Each structure stands twice: as C-alpha cells, then as structure tokens.
C-alpha atoms as a PDB file:
ATOM      1  CA  MET A   1     -20.370  20.833   1.768  1.00  0.00           C
ATOM      2  CA  PRO A   2     -19.250  17.514   0.277  1.00  0.00           C
ATOM      3  CA  TYR A   3     -19.049  14.785   2.905  1.00  0.00           C
ATOM      4  CA  ILE A   4     -17.150  11.595   2.099  1.00  0.00           C
ATOM      5  CA  ARG A   5     -17.140   8.598   4.408  1.00  0.00           C
ATOM      6  CA  CYS A   6     -14.586   5.802   4.078  1.00  0.00           C
ATOM      7  CA  ASP A   7     -14.889   2.534   5.989  1.00  0.00           C
ATOM      8  CA  ILE A   8     -11.574   0.706   6.043  1.00  0.00           C
ATOM      9  CA  ARG A   9      -9.923  -2.106   7.957  1.00  0.00           C
ATOM     10  CA  ARG A  10      -7.684  -0.937  10.752  1.00  0.00           C
ATOM     11  CA  GLY A  11      -3.947  -1.368  10.441  1.00  0.00           C
ATOM     12  CA  ARG A  12      -2.925   1.574   8.266  1.00  0.00           C
ATOM     13  CA  SER A  13      -0.464   4.152   9.539  1.00  0.00           C
ATOM     14  CA  ASP A  14      -1.294   7.774  10.324  1.00  0.00           C
ATOM     15  CA  GLU A  15       0.605   8.736   7.184  1.00  0.00           C
ATOM     16  CA  GLN A  16      -1.463   6.375   5.016  1.00  0.00           C
ATOM     17  CA  ARG A  17      -4.732   7.723   6.410  1.00  0.00           C
ATOM     18  CA  GLU A  18      -3.580  11.302   5.894  1.00  0.00           C
ATOM     19  CA  GLN A  19      -2.580  10.551   2.299  1.00  0.00           C
ATOM     20  CA  LEU A  20      -5.947   8.865   1.683  1.00  0.00           C
ATOM     21  CA  CYS A  21      -7.856  11.878   3.009  1.00  0.00           C
ATOM     22  CA  THR A  22      -5.689  14.358   1.113  1.00  0.00           C
ATOM     23  CA  ARG A  23      -6.061  12.592  -2.222  1.00  0.00           C
ATOM     24  CA  ILE A  24      -9.797  12.105  -1.796  1.00  0.00           C
ATOM     25  CA  THR A  25     -10.176  15.794  -0.923  1.00  0.00           C
ATOM     26  CA  GLU A  26      -8.125  16.853  -3.950  1.00  0.00           C
ATOM     27  CA  ALA A  27     -10.113  14.582  -6.286  1.00  0.00           C
ATOM     28  CA  VAL A  28     -13.495  15.765  -4.989  1.00  0.00           C
ATOM     29  CA  SER A  29     -12.408  19.391  -5.325  1.00  0.00           C
ATOM     30  CA  ARG A  30     -11.095  18.851  -8.863  1.00  0.00           C
ATOM     31  CA  ILE A  31     -14.175  16.937 -10.022  1.00  0.00           C
ATOM     32  CA  THR A  32     -16.903  18.987  -8.316  1.00  0.00           C
ATOM     33  CA  GLY A  33     -15.266  22.398  -8.105  1.00  0.00           C
ATOM     34  CA  ALA A  34     -15.934  22.508  -4.355  1.00  0.00           C
ATOM     35  CA  PRO A  35     -13.321  24.433  -2.385  1.00  0.00           C
ATOM     36  CA  VAL A  36     -10.927  22.176  -0.473  1.00  0.00           C
ATOM     37  CA  GLY A  37     -11.903  23.921   2.762  1.00  0.00           C
ATOM     38  CA  SER A  38     -15.527  22.841   2.373  1.00  0.00           C
ATOM     39  CA  ILE A  39     -14.826  19.107   1.944  1.00  0.00           C
ATOM     40  CA  LEU A  40     -15.136  16.782   4.926  1.00  0.00           C
ATOM     41  CA  VAL A  41     -13.597  13.305   4.772  1.00  0.00           C
ATOM     42  CA  LEU A  42     -14.377  10.890   7.595  1.00  0.00           C
ATOM     43  CA  VAL A  43     -12.412   7.651   7.920  1.00  0.00           C
ATOM     44  CA  ASN A  44     -13.924   4.911  10.071  1.00  0.00           C
ATOM     45  CA  GLU A  45     -11.610   2.042  10.925  1.00  0.00           C
ATOM     46  CA  HIS A  46     -12.988  -1.369  11.767  1.00  0.00           C
ATOM     47  CA  ALA A  47     -11.517  -4.684  12.814  1.00  0.00           C
ATOM     48  CA  GLY A  48     -10.761  -6.862   9.810  1.00  0.00           C
ATOM     49  CA  GLY A  49     -13.197  -9.466  11.127  1.00  0.00           C
ATOM     50  CA  ASN A  50     -16.047  -7.089  10.290  1.00  0.00           C
ATOM     51  CA  PHE A  51     -15.311  -7.474   6.564  1.00  0.00           C
ATOM     52  CA  MET A  52     -15.827 -10.393   4.226  1.00  0.00           C
ATOM     53  CA  GLU A  53     -14.455 -10.496   0.703  1.00  0.00           C
ATOM     54  CA  GLY A  54     -14.676 -13.398  -1.696  1.00  0.00           C
ATOM     55  CA  GLY A  55     -16.148 -15.594   1.028  1.00  0.00           C
ATOM     56  CA  ALA A  56     -13.286 -14.939   3.456  1.00  0.00           C
ATOM     57  CA  ILE A  57     -13.402 -13.002   6.710  1.00  0.00           C
ATOM     58  CA  LEU A  58     -10.521 -10.560   6.487  1.00  0.00           C
ATOM     59  CA  PRO A  59      -7.834  -9.866   9.070  1.00  0.00           C
ATOM     60  CA  ASP A  60      -6.654  -6.362   9.902  1.00  0.00           C
ATOM     61  CA  TYR A  61      -4.736  -4.696   7.084  1.00  0.00           C
ATOM     62  CA  VAL A  62      -1.006  -5.507   6.880  1.00  0.00           C
ATOM     63  CA  ALA A  63       0.981  -3.345   4.470  1.00  0.00           C
ATOM     64  CA  GLY A  64       3.416  -4.954   2.064  1.00  0.00           C
ATOM     65  CA  PRO A  65       6.456  -3.154   0.657  1.00  0.00           C
ATOM     66  CA  ASN A  66       4.381  -1.337  -1.983  1.00  0.00           C
ATOM     67  CA  GLY A  67       1.318  -0.813   0.208  1.00  0.00           C
ATOM     68  CA  GLU A  68      -0.420  -3.964  -1.001  1.00  0.00           C
ATOM     69  CA  ASP A  69      -2.549  -5.776   1.563  1.00  0.00           C
ATOM     70  CA  LEU A  70      -0.569  -8.856   2.561  1.00  0.00           C
ATOM     71  CA  ALA A  71      -3.061 -10.111   5.143  1.00  0.00           C
ATOM     72  CA  GLY A  72      -6.101  -9.680   2.900  1.00  0.00           C
ATOM     73  CA  GLU A  73      -4.427 -11.418  -0.030  1.00  0.00           C
ATOM     74  CA  ALA A  74      -3.538 -14.395   2.160  1.00  0.00           C
ATOM     75  CA  ALA A  75      -7.131 -14.641   3.436  1.00  0.00           C
ATOM     76  CA  LEU A  76      -8.517 -14.583  -0.111  1.00  0.00           C
ATOM     77  CA  LYS A  77      -6.116 -17.301  -1.244  1.00  0.00           C
ATOM     78  CA  ARG A  78      -7.196 -19.509   1.682  1.00  0.00           C
ATOM     79  CA  ALA A  79     -10.853 -18.987   0.819  1.00  0.00           C
ATOM     80  CA  GLN A  80     -10.276 -19.893  -2.834  1.00  0.00           C
ATOM     81  CA  SER A  81      -8.476 -23.140  -1.934  1.00  0.00           C
END
C-alpha cells in the first residue's frame, strides 16, 4: 500500500485539500500501477510559524486569485530586503 504524507501550512480550503489528495493519488496510481483504492494520502497541517523558507518564518497560507500563496510571497520579500 503506497502511503504519502504531505506537511503543509494551514489555511487551505477543504476543496484545495481534496484536490491535492485526489491528484496525488491519481499520479501515484499512474506512475506505480497501484490501484487507487490501495493508496493512502495523509495531509498534516501546521501553523505557518513552524516553517521557514529563504530565511523567513512563514505565516499561514493565504490564497491569491490563482491559488498562489500571497502571505508566503510577502514573507519572502521581507526576508530578502
């Protein structure tokens, strides 16, 4: 049984998490040949403050109009200044 664990910042909608799990499941099935019913995807959500990227502690995820991470981008820009 393939087991995939994703650690992400909290802030995504139920629909976004469902789409993430569905697409990961489909990709694993396509690549490995494992039946969809045997694939387990676990999503762990954490406060943004538990993540650091590019020297910046990240806030919780905030979706932009196209799903881009508005809060994370702002934190990275501050860190690079």
